[in-house]
């Protein structure tokens, strides 16, 4: 029985400054995409993985995690919500998007 990966993208009252579709990559390969206020789910193999979201040259940090057969792993992502972070991401693209495990 595979594990389930869930990625949520919710804005929750604050304006998200990067609004495009984010690509979800697992272990370096594109797994799918997610738009604003959507939830993405996919079955994944048990084991150690690295997850990242990206849009163009902008990325989140890489998040490593382990998952067992039949387990679920949940993450939340969004774009920069405040102008200083948005501006800094023009120089450091990995600041543009956040990806956190729930």
PDB file of N, CA and C in Angstrom:
ATOM      1  N   UNK A   1       0.846  -1.179   0.000  1.00  0.00           N
ATOM      2  CA  UNK A   1       0.000   0.000   0.000  1.00  0.00           C
ATOM      3  C   UNK A   1       0.892   1.243   0.000  1.00  0.00           C
ATOM      4  N   UNK A   2       0.732   2.125  -0.984  1.00  0.00           N
ATOM      5  CA  UNK A   2       1.613   3.300  -1.055  1.00  0.00           C
ATOM      6  C   UNK A   2       1.289   4.323   0.035  1.00  0.00           C
ATOM      7  N   UNK A   3       2.228   5.206   0.267  1.00  0.00           N
ATOM      8  CA  UNK A   3       2.006   6.348   1.157  1.00  0.00           C
ATOM      9  C   UNK A   3       1.292   7.438   0.360  1.00  0.00           C
ATOM     10  N   UNK A   4       0.703   8.398   1.062  1.00  0.00           N
ATOM     11  CA  UNK A   4       0.002   9.499   0.402  1.00  0.00           C
ATOM     12  C   UNK A   4       0.693  10.816   0.758  1.00  0.00           C
ATOM     13  N   UNK A   5       1.043  11.584  -0.277  1.00  0.00           N
ATOM     14  CA  UNK A   5       1.600  12.925  -0.113  1.00  0.00           C
ATOM     15  C   UNK A   5       0.491  13.932  -0.384  1.00  0.00           C
ATOM     16  N   UNK A   6       0.289  14.866   0.548  1.00  0.00           N
ATOM     17  CA  UNK A   6      -0.683  15.941   0.370  1.00  0.00           C
ATOM     18  C   UNK A   6       0.039  17.278   0.497  1.00  0.00           C
ATOM     19  N   UNK A   7      -0.189  18.157  -0.487  1.00  0.00           N
ATOM     20  CA  UNK A   7       0.355  19.513  -0.450  1.00  0.00           C
ATOM     21  C   UNK A   7      -0.822  20.469  -0.574  1.00  0.00           C
ATOM     22  N   UNK A   8      -0.965  21.376   0.396  1.00  0.00           N
ATOM     23  CA  UNK A   8      -2.040  22.377   0.383  1.00  0.00           C
ATOM     24  C   UNK A   8      -1.444  23.747   0.103  1.00  0.00           C
ATOM     25  N   UNK A   9      -2.195  24.524  -0.650  1.00  0.00           N
ATOM     26  CA  UNK A   9      -1.795  25.907  -0.909  1.00  0.00           C
ATOM     27  C   UNK A   9      -2.972  26.803  -0.553  1.00  0.00           C
ATOM     28  N   UNK A  10      -2.902  27.408   0.626  1.00  0.00           N
ATOM     29  CA  UNK A  10      -3.965  28.281   1.120  1.00  0.00           C
ATOM     30  C   UNK A  10      -3.384  29.652   1.431  1.00  0.00           C
ATOM     31  N   UNK A  11      -4.165  30.680   1.169  1.00  0.00           N
ATOM     32  CA  UNK A  11      -3.684  32.039   1.369  1.00  0.00           C
ATOM     33  C   UNK A  11      -4.021  32.590   2.747  1.00  0.00           C
ATOM     34  N   UNK A  12      -5.179  32.287   3.292  1.00  0.00           N
ATOM     35  CA  UNK A  12      -5.597  32.685   4.644  1.00  0.00           C
ATOM     36  C   UNK A  12      -5.484  34.176   4.931  1.00  0.00           C
ATOM     37  N   UNK A  13      -6.188  34.991   4.205  1.00  0.00           N
ATOM     38  CA  UNK A  13      -6.323  36.396   4.542  1.00  0.00           C
ATOM     39  C   UNK A  13      -5.244  37.330   4.028  1.00  0.00           C
ATOM     40  N   UNK A  14      -4.010  36.885   3.951  1.00  0.00           N
ATOM     41  CA  UNK A  14      -2.959  37.752   3.439  1.00  0.00           C
ATOM     42  C   UNK A  14      -2.788  37.545   1.946  1.00  0.00           C
ATOM     43  N   UNK A  15      -2.407  38.606   1.273  1.00  0.00           N
ATOM     44  CA  UNK A  15      -2.205  38.531  -0.166  1.00  0.00           C
ATOM     45  C   UNK A  15      -0.928  37.738  -0.476  1.00  0.00           C
ATOM     46  N   UNK A  16      -1.021  36.827  -1.405  1.00  0.00           N
ATOM     47  CA  UNK A  16       0.140  36.062  -1.858  1.00  0.00           C
ATOM     48  C   UNK A  16       0.730  36.798  -3.052  1.00  0.00           C
ATOM     49  N   UNK A  17       2.011  37.156  -2.980  1.00  0.00           N
ATOM     50  CA  UNK A  17       2.616  37.986  -4.014  1.00  0.00           C
ATOM     51  C   UNK A  17       3.043  37.199  -5.252  1.00  0.00           C
ATOM     52  N   UNK A  18       3.277  35.913  -5.139  1.00  0.00           N
ATOM     53  CA  UNK A  18       3.546  35.051  -6.302  1.00  0.00           C
ATOM     54  C   UNK A  18       2.307  34.201  -6.503  1.00  0.00           C
ATOM     55  N   UNK A  19       1.569  34.482  -7.567  1.00  0.00           N
ATOM     56  CA  UNK A  19       0.248  33.884  -7.727  1.00  0.00           C
ATOM     57  C   UNK A  19       0.167  32.773  -8.761  1.00  0.00           C
ATOM     58  N   UNK A  20       1.188  32.532  -9.522  1.00  0.00           N
ATOM     59  CA  UNK A  20       1.119  31.538 -10.583  1.00  0.00           C
ATOM     60  C   UNK A  20       1.012  30.114 -10.068  1.00  0.00           C
ATOM     61  N   UNK A  21       0.947  29.195 -11.008  1.00  0.00           N
ATOM     62  CA  UNK A  21       0.909  27.768 -10.689  1.00  0.00           C
ATOM     63  C   UNK A  21       2.291  27.321 -10.221  1.00  0.00           C
ATOM     64  N   UNK A  22       2.337  26.557  -9.144  1.00  0.00           N
ATOM     65  CA  UNK A  22       3.589  26.007  -8.631  1.00  0.00           C
ATOM     66  C   UNK A  22       3.728  24.569  -9.116  1.00  0.00           C
ATOM     67  N   UNK A  23       4.941  24.193  -9.500  1.00  0.00           N
ATOM     68  CA  UNK A  23       5.255  22.808  -9.837  1.00  0.00           C
ATOM     69  C   UNK A  23       5.725  22.109  -8.563  1.00  0.00           C
ATOM     70  N   UNK A  24       5.272  20.900  -8.357  1.00  0.00           N
ATOM     71  CA  UNK A  24       5.668  20.101  -7.198  1.00  0.00           C
ATOM     72  C   UNK A  24       6.670  19.065  -7.683  1.00  0.00           C
ATOM     73  N   UNK A  25       7.875  19.081  -7.112  1.00  0.00           N
ATOM     74  CA  UNK A  25       8.886  18.107  -7.505  1.00  0.00           C
ATOM     75  C   UNK A  25       9.210  17.198  -6.323  1.00  0.00           C
ATOM     76  N   UNK A  26       9.310  15.928  -6.618  1.00  0.00           N
ATOM     77  CA  UNK A  26       9.660  14.917  -5.625  1.00  0.00           C
ATOM     78  C   UNK A  26      10.892  14.187  -6.136  1.00  0.00           C
ATOM     79  N   UNK A  27      11.958  14.241  -5.378  1.00  0.00           N
ATOM     80  CA  UNK A  27      13.221  13.593  -5.752  1.00  0.00           C
ATOM     81  C   UNK A  27      13.716  14.065  -7.116  1.00  0.00           C
ATOM     82  N   UNK A  28      13.514  15.352  -7.413  1.00  0.00           N
ATOM     83  CA  UNK A  28      14.010  15.950  -8.648  1.00  0.00           C
ATOM     84  C   UNK A  28      13.117  15.815  -9.859  1.00  0.00           C
ATOM     85  N   UNK A  29      12.029  15.060  -9.765  1.00  0.00           N
ATOM     86  CA  UNK A  29      11.106  14.867 -10.893  1.00  0.00           C
ATOM     87  C   UNK A  29       9.779  15.570 -10.601  1.00  0.00           C
ATOM     88  N   UNK A  30       9.203  16.187 -11.629  1.00  0.00           N
ATOM     89  CA  UNK A  30       7.918  16.864 -11.458  1.00  0.00           C
ATOM     90  C   UNK A  30       6.829  15.841 -11.191  1.00  0.00           C
ATOM     91  N   UNK A  31       6.122  16.045 -10.086  1.00  0.00           N
ATOM     92  CA  UNK A  31       5.054  15.139  -9.670  1.00  0.00           C
ATOM     93  C   UNK A  31       3.686  15.684 -10.058  1.00  0.00           C
ATOM     94  N   UNK A  32       3.562  17.003 -10.100  1.00  0.00           N
ATOM     95  CA  UNK A  32       2.285  17.633 -10.430  1.00  0.00           C
ATOM     96  C   UNK A  32       2.382  19.127 -10.249  1.00  0.00           C
ATOM     97  N   UNK A  33       1.226  19.787 -10.226  1.00  0.00           N
ATOM     98  CA  UNK A  33       1.189  21.233 -10.043  1.00  0.00           C
ATOM     99  C   UNK A  33       0.043  21.600  -9.112  1.00  0.00           C
ATOM    100  N   UNK A  34       0.127  22.814  -8.581  1.00  0.00           N
ATOM    101  CA  UNK A  34      -0.887  23.280  -7.635  1.00  0.00           C
ATOM    102  C   UNK A  34      -1.122  24.769  -7.842  1.00  0.00           C
ATOM    103  N   UNK A  35      -2.391  25.146  -7.850  1.00  0.00           N
ATOM    104  CA  UNK A  35      -2.779  26.550  -7.955  1.00  0.00           C
ATOM    105  C   UNK A  35      -3.213  27.056  -6.587  1.00  0.00           C
ATOM    106  N   UNK A  36      -3.430  28.342  -6.521  1.00  0.00           N
ATOM    107  CA  UNK A  36      -3.865  28.992  -5.283  1.00  0.00           C
ATOM    108  C   UNK A  36      -5.152  28.361  -4.761  1.00  0.00           C
ATOM    109  N   UNK A  37      -5.191  28.098  -3.450  1.00  0.00           N
ATOM    110  CA  UNK A  37      -6.348  27.519  -2.758  1.00  0.00           C
ATOM    111  C   UNK A  37      -6.719  26.123  -3.251  1.00  0.00           C
ATOM    112  N   UNK A  38      -5.729  25.362  -3.705  1.00  0.00           N
ATOM    113  CA  UNK A  38      -5.947  23.972  -4.108  1.00  0.00           C
ATOM    114  C   UNK A  38      -5.212  23.033  -3.156  1.00  0.00           C
ATOM    115  N   UNK A  39      -5.592  21.765  -3.235  1.00  0.00           N
ATOM    116  CA  UNK A  39      -4.907  20.693  -2.517  1.00  0.00           C
ATOM    117  C   UNK A  39      -4.492  19.646  -3.538  1.00  0.00           C
ATOM    118  N   UNK A  40      -3.240  19.212  -3.458  1.00  0.00           N
ATOM    119  CA  UNK A  40      -2.695  18.199  -4.360  1.00  0.00           C
ATOM    120  C   UNK A  40      -2.435  16.933  -3.553  1.00  0.00           C
ATOM    121  N   UNK A  41      -2.850  15.790  -4.067  1.00  0.00           N
ATOM    122  CA  UNK A  41      -2.575  14.497  -3.424  1.00  0.00           C
ATOM    123  C   UNK A  41      -2.022  13.528  -4.451  1.00  0.00           C
ATOM    124  N   UNK A  42      -1.065  12.713  -4.005  1.00  0.00           N
ATOM    125  CA  UNK A  42      -0.500  11.696  -4.886  1.00  0.00           C
ATOM    126  C   UNK A  42       0.021  10.530  -4.055  1.00  0.00           C
ATOM    127  N   UNK A  43      -0.125   9.310  -4.575  1.00  0.00           N
ATOM    128  CA  UNK A  43       0.500   8.163  -3.911  1.00  0.00           C
ATOM    129  C   UNK A  43       2.001   8.189  -4.191  1.00  0.00           C
ATOM    130  N   UNK A  44       2.793   7.871  -3.177  1.00  0.00           N
ATOM    131  CA  UNK A  44       4.246   7.822  -3.347  1.00  0.00           C
ATOM    132  C   UNK A  44       4.781   6.553  -2.694  1.00  0.00           C
ATOM    133  N   UNK A  45       5.947   6.142  -3.130  1.00  0.00           N
ATOM    134  CA  UNK A  45       6.587   4.952  -2.562  1.00  0.00           C
ATOM    135  C   UNK A  45       7.093   5.254  -1.156  1.00  0.00           C
ATOM    136  N   UNK A  46       7.136   4.239  -0.331  1.00  0.00           N
ATOM    137  CA  UNK A  46       7.716   4.380   1.006  1.00  0.00           C
ATOM    138  C   UNK A  46       9.206   4.659   0.870  1.00  0.00           C
ATOM    139  N   UNK A  47       9.762   5.334   1.869  1.00  0.00           N
ATOM    140  CA  UNK A  47      11.189   5.608   1.867  1.00  0.00           C
ATOM    141  C   UNK A  47      11.494   7.065   2.120  1.00  0.00           C
ATOM    142  N   UNK A  48      12.745   7.438   1.831  1.00  0.00           N
ATOM    143  CA  UNK A  48      13.193   8.812   2.031  1.00  0.00           C
ATOM    144  C   UNK A  48      13.004   9.592   0.736  1.00  0.00           C
ATOM    145  N   UNK A  49      12.498  10.820   0.866  1.00  0.00           N
ATOM    146  CA  UNK A  49      12.215  11.666  -0.296  1.00  0.00           C
ATOM    147  C   UNK A  49      12.653  13.095  -0.033  1.00  0.00           C
ATOM    148  N   UNK A  50      12.764  13.864  -1.147  1.00  0.00           N
ATOM    149  CA  UNK A  50      13.030  15.301  -1.080  1.00  0.00           C
ATOM    150  C   UNK A  50      11.957  16.010  -1.894  1.00  0.00           C
ATOM    151  N   UNK A  51      11.298  16.979  -1.269  1.00  0.00           N
ATOM    152  CA  UNK A  51      10.175  17.689  -1.873  1.00  0.00           C
ATOM    153  C   UNK A  51      10.522  19.160  -2.038  1.00  0.00           C
ATOM    154  N   UNK A  52      10.034  19.754  -3.137  1.00  0.00           N
ATOM    155  CA  UNK A  52      10.246  21.177  -3.396  1.00  0.00           C
ATOM    156  C   UNK A  52       9.102  21.685  -4.260  1.00  0.00           C
ATOM    157  N   UNK A  53       8.750  22.965  -4.112  1.00  0.00           N
ATOM    158  CA  UNK A  53       7.828  23.608  -5.045  1.00  0.00           C
ATOM    159  C   UNK A  53       8.600  24.692  -5.774  1.00  0.00           C
ATOM    160  N   UNK A  54       8.184  24.950  -7.014  1.00  0.00           N
ATOM    161  CA  UNK A  54       8.879  25.954  -7.820  1.00  0.00           C
ATOM    162  C   UNK A  54       7.926  26.581  -8.819  1.00  0.00           C
ATOM    163  N   UNK A  55       8.276  27.773  -9.244  1.00  0.00           N
ATOM    164  CA  UNK A  55       7.596  28.440 -10.346  1.00  0.00           C
ATOM    165  C   UNK A  55       8.655  29.247 -11.078  1.00  0.00           C
ATOM    166  N   UNK A  56       8.949  28.863 -12.304  1.00  0.00           N
ATOM    167  CA  UNK A  56      10.037  29.507 -13.032  1.00  0.00           C
ATOM    168  C   UNK A  56      11.348  29.313 -12.300  1.00  0.00           C
ATOM    169  N   UNK A  57      12.070  30.398 -12.074  1.00  0.00           N
ATOM    170  CA  UNK A  57      13.360  30.311 -11.362  1.00  0.00           C
ATOM    171  C   UNK A  57      13.203  30.357  -9.850  1.00  0.00           C
ATOM    172  N   UNK A  58      12.003  30.575  -9.367  1.00  0.00           N
ATOM    173  CA  UNK A  58      11.746  30.717  -7.935  1.00  0.00           C
ATOM    174  C   UNK A  58      11.408  29.371  -7.311  1.00  0.00           C
ATOM    175  N   UNK A  59      11.960  29.131  -6.115  1.00  0.00           N
ATOM    176  CA  UNK A  59      11.797  27.825  -5.472  1.00  0.00           C
ATOM    177  C   UNK A  59      11.565  27.977  -3.971  1.00  0.00           C
ATOM    178  N   UNK A  60      11.121  26.890  -3.390  1.00  0.00           N
ATOM    179  CA  UNK A  60      11.150  26.759  -1.931  1.00  0.00           C
ATOM    180  C   UNK A  60      12.457  26.060  -1.591  1.00  0.00           C
ATOM    181  N   UNK A  61      12.735  25.937  -0.324  1.00  0.00           N
ATOM    182  CA  UNK A  61      13.845  25.092   0.086  1.00  0.00           C
ATOM    183  C   UNK A  61      13.473  23.629  -0.128  1.00  0.00           C
ATOM    184  N   UNK A  62      14.470  22.763  -0.200  1.00  0.00           N
ATOM    185  CA  UNK A  62      14.223  21.320  -0.279  1.00  0.00           C
ATOM    186  C   UNK A  62      13.837  20.803   1.098  1.00  0.00           C
ATOM    187  N   UNK A  63      12.812  19.988   1.162  1.00  0.00           N
ATOM    188  CA  UNK A  63      12.373  19.395   2.425  1.00  0.00           C
ATOM    189  C   UNK A  63      12.527  17.884   2.328  1.00  0.00           C
ATOM    190  N   UNK A  64      13.371  17.315   3.172  1.00  0.00           N
ATOM    191  CA  UNK A  64      13.571  15.862   3.214  1.00  0.00           C
ATOM    192  C   UNK A  64      12.621  15.251   4.232  1.00  0.00           C
ATOM    193  N   UNK A  65      12.122  14.059   3.912  1.00  0.00           N
ATOM    194  CA  UNK A  65      11.235  13.358   4.842  1.00  0.00           C
ATOM    195  C   UNK A  65      11.266  11.867   4.556  1.00  0.00           C
ATOM    196  N   UNK A  66      10.915  11.088   5.572  1.00  0.00           N
ATOM    197  CA  UNK A  66      10.753   9.640   5.459  1.00  0.00           C
ATOM    198  C   UNK A  66       9.280   9.323   5.605  1.00  0.00           C
ATOM    199  N   UNK A  67       8.816   8.325   4.864  1.00  0.00           N
ATOM    200  CA  UNK A  67       7.418   7.907   4.958  1.00  0.00           C
ATOM    201  C   UNK A  67       7.357   6.389   4.809  1.00  0.00           C
ATOM    202  N   UNK A  68       6.473   5.765   5.579  1.00  0.00           N
ATOM    203  CA  UNK A  68       6.290   4.311   5.532  1.00  0.00           C
ATOM    204  C   UNK A  68       5.061   3.969   4.700  1.00  0.00           C
ATOM    205  N   UNK A  69       4.985   2.718   4.245  1.00  0.00           N
ATOM    206  CA  UNK A  69       3.803   2.250   3.507  1.00  0.00           C
ATOM    207  C   UNK A  69       2.538   2.537   4.302  1.00  0.00           C
ATOM    208  N   UNK A  70       1.534   3.063   3.625  1.00  0.00           N
ATOM    209  CA  UNK A  70       0.243   3.321   4.250  1.00  0.00           C
ATOM    210  C   UNK A  70       0.158   4.604   5.054  1.00  0.00           C
ATOM    211  N   UNK A  71       1.281   5.282   5.257  1.00  0.00           N
ATOM    212  CA  UNK A  71       1.268   6.539   6.012  1.00  0.00           C
ATOM    213  C   UNK A  71       0.906   7.712   5.103  1.00  0.00           C
ATOM    214  N   UNK A  72       0.629   8.843   5.729  1.00  0.00           N
ATOM    215  CA  UNK A  72       0.354  10.081   5.002  1.00  0.00           C
ATOM    216  C   UNK A  72       1.337  11.141   5.473  1.00  0.00           C
ATOM    217  N   UNK A  73       1.767  11.984   4.553  1.00  0.00           N
ATOM    218  CA  UNK A  73       2.642  13.103   4.891  1.00  0.00           C
ATOM    219  C   UNK A  73       2.013  14.355   4.287  1.00  0.00           C
ATOM    220  N   UNK A  74       1.951  15.436   5.090  1.00  0.00           N
ATOM    221  CA  UNK A  74       1.254  16.652   4.681  1.00  0.00           C
ATOM    222  C   UNK A  74       2.182  17.856   4.716  1.00  0.00           C
ATOM    223  N   UNK A  75       2.076  18.680   3.672  1.00  0.00           N
ATOM    224  CA  UNK A  75       2.844  19.917   3.580  1.00  0.00           C
ATOM    225  C   UNK A  75       1.905  21.052   3.199  1.00  0.00           C
ATOM    226  N   UNK A  76       2.338  22.278   3.508  1.00  0.00           N
ATOM    227  CA  UNK A  76       1.621  23.488   3.116  1.00  0.00           C
ATOM    228  C   UNK A  76       2.620  24.383   2.383  1.00  0.00           C
ATOM    229  N   UNK A  77       2.197  24.998   1.284  1.00  0.00           N
ATOM    230  CA  UNK A  77       3.078  25.889   0.537  1.00  0.00           C
ATOM    231  C   UNK A  77       2.354  27.195   0.225  1.00  0.00           C
ATOM    232  N   UNK A  78       3.142  28.239  -0.016  1.00  0.00           N
ATOM    233  CA  UNK A  78       2.604  29.503  -0.511  1.00  0.00           C
ATOM    234  C   UNK A  78       3.737  30.378  -1.011  1.00  0.00           C
ATOM    235  N   UNK A  79       3.360  31.440  -1.697  1.00  0.00           N
ATOM    236  CA  UNK A  79       4.332  32.415  -2.170  1.00  0.00           C
ATOM    237  C   UNK A  79       4.595  33.454  -1.097  1.00  0.00           C
ATOM    238  N   UNK A  80       5.591  34.294  -1.346  1.00  0.00           N
ATOM    239  CA  UNK A  80       5.922  35.363  -0.402  1.00  0.00           C
ATOM    240  C   UNK A  80       4.691  36.213  -0.125  1.00  0.00           C
ATOM    241  N   UNK A  81       4.520  36.598   1.139  1.00  0.00           N
ATOM    242  CA  UNK A  81       3.344  37.375   1.539  1.00  0.00           C
ATOM    243  C   UNK A  81       3.676  38.805   1.941  1.00  0.00           C
ATOM    244  N   UNK A  82       4.944  39.115   2.128  1.00  0.00           N
ATOM    245  CA  UNK A  82       5.309  40.480   2.489  1.00  0.00           C
ATOM    246  C   UNK A  82       6.351  41.000   1.502  1.00  0.00           C
ATOM    247  N   UNK A  83       6.298  42.288   1.240  1.00  0.00           N
ATOM    248  CA  UNK A  83       7.148  42.889   0.217  1.00  0.00           C
ATOM    249  C   UNK A  83       8.641  42.704   0.445  1.00  0.00           C
ATOM    250  N   UNK A  84       9.182  42.849   1.655  1.00  0.00           N
ATOM    251  CA  UNK A  84      10.633  42.662   1.808  1.00  0.00           C
ATOM    252  C   UNK A  84      11.113  41.272   1.367  1.00  0.00           C
ATOM    253  N   UNK A  85      10.349  40.234   1.681  1.00  0.00           N
ATOM    254  CA  UNK A  85      10.721  38.877   1.259  1.00  0.00           C
ATOM    255  C   UNK A  85      10.596  38.755  -0.253  1.00  0.00           C
ATOM    256  N   UNK A  86       9.539  39.324  -0.811  1.00  0.00           N
ATOM    257  CA  UNK A  86       9.338  39.302  -2.263  1.00  0.00           C
ATOM    258  C   UNK A  86      10.531  39.954  -2.966  1.00  0.00           C
ATOM    259  N   UNK A  87      10.943  41.130  -2.498  1.00  0.00           N
ATOM    260  CA  UNK A  87      12.078  41.825  -3.113  1.00  0.00           C
ATOM    261  C   UNK A  87      13.375  41.047  -2.936  1.00  0.00           C
ATOM    262  N   UNK A  88      13.595  40.476  -1.761  1.00  0.00           N
ATOM    263  CA  UNK A  88      14.807  39.678  -1.528  1.00  0.00           C
ATOM    264  C   UNK A  88      14.846  38.458  -2.445  1.00  0.00           C
ATOM    265  N   UNK A  89      13.670  37.919  -2.790  1.00  0.00           N
ATOM    266  CA  UNK A  89      13.627  36.731  -3.651  1.00  0.00           C
ATOM    267  C   UNK A  89      14.083  37.028  -5.074  1.00  0.00           C
ATOM    268  N   UNK A  90      14.114  38.294  -5.452  1.00  0.00           N
ATOM    269  CA  UNK A  90      14.638  38.647  -6.769  1.00  0.00           C
ATOM    270  C   UNK A  90      16.129  38.354  -6.847  1.00  0.00           C
ATOM    271  N   UNK A  91      16.808  38.424  -5.709  1.00  0.00           N
ATOM    272  CA  UNK A  91      18.243  38.139  -5.635  1.00  0.00           C
ATOM    273  C   UNK A  91      18.493  36.699  -5.196  1.00  0.00           C
ATOM    274  N   UNK A  92      17.689  36.215  -4.248  1.00  0.00           N
ATOM    275  CA  UNK A  92      17.817  34.843  -3.725  1.00  0.00           C
ATOM    276  C   UNK A  92      16.510  34.106  -4.036  1.00  0.00           C
ATOM    277  N   UNK A  93      16.417  33.446  -5.209  1.00  0.00           N
ATOM    278  CA  UNK A  93      15.162  32.825  -5.646  1.00  0.00           C
ATOM    279  C   UNK A  93      14.565  31.808  -4.678  1.00  0.00           C
ATOM    280  N   UNK A  94      15.372  31.213  -3.814  1.00  0.00           N
ATOM    281  CA  UNK A  94      14.843  30.205  -2.886  1.00  0.00           C
ATOM    282  C   UNK A  94      14.048  30.818  -1.730  1.00  0.00           C
ATOM    283  N   UNK A  95      13.968  32.144  -1.655  1.00  0.00           N
ATOM    284  CA  UNK A  95      13.146  32.813  -0.643  1.00  0.00           C
ATOM    285  C   UNK A  95      11.717  33.060  -1.124  1.00  0.00           C
ATOM    286  N   UNK A  96      11.467  32.855  -2.410  1.00  0.00           N
ATOM    287  CA  UNK A  96      10.187  33.237  -3.008  1.00  0.00           C
ATOM    288  C   UNK A  96       9.005  32.401  -2.540  1.00  0.00           C
ATOM    289  N   UNK A  97       9.237  31.123  -2.269  1.00  0.00           N
ATOM    290  CA  UNK A  97       8.153  30.213  -1.919  1.00  0.00           C
ATOM    291  C   UNK A  97       8.462  29.529  -0.598  1.00  0.00           C
ATOM    292  N   UNK A  98       7.425  29.241   0.176  1.00  0.00           N
ATOM    293  CA  UNK A  98       7.620  28.502   1.417  1.00  0.00           C
ATOM    294  C   UNK A  98       6.972  27.128   1.300  1.00  0.00           C
ATOM    295  N   UNK A  99       7.578  26.173   1.964  1.00  0.00           N
ATOM    296  CA  UNK A  99       7.068  24.804   2.005  1.00  0.00           C
ATOM    297  C   UNK A  99       7.339  24.280   3.408  1.00  0.00           C
ATOM    298  N   UNK A 100       6.267  23.985   4.144  1.00  0.00           N
ATOM    299  CA  UNK A 100       6.399  23.537   5.530  1.00  0.00           C
ATOM    300  C   UNK A 100       5.623  22.250   5.747  1.00  0.00           C
ATOM    301  N   UNK A 101       6.211  21.378   6.533  1.00  0.00           N
ATOM    302  CA  UNK A 101       5.520  20.140   6.889  1.00  0.00           C
ATOM    303  C   UNK A 101       4.519  20.429   7.998  1.00  0.00           C
ATOM    304  N   UNK A 102       3.367  19.813   7.903  1.00  0.00           N
ATOM    305  CA  UNK A 102       2.326  20.005   8.924  1.00  0.00           C
ATOM    306  C   UNK A 102       2.350  18.878   9.926  1.00  0.00           C
TER     307      UNK A 102
END
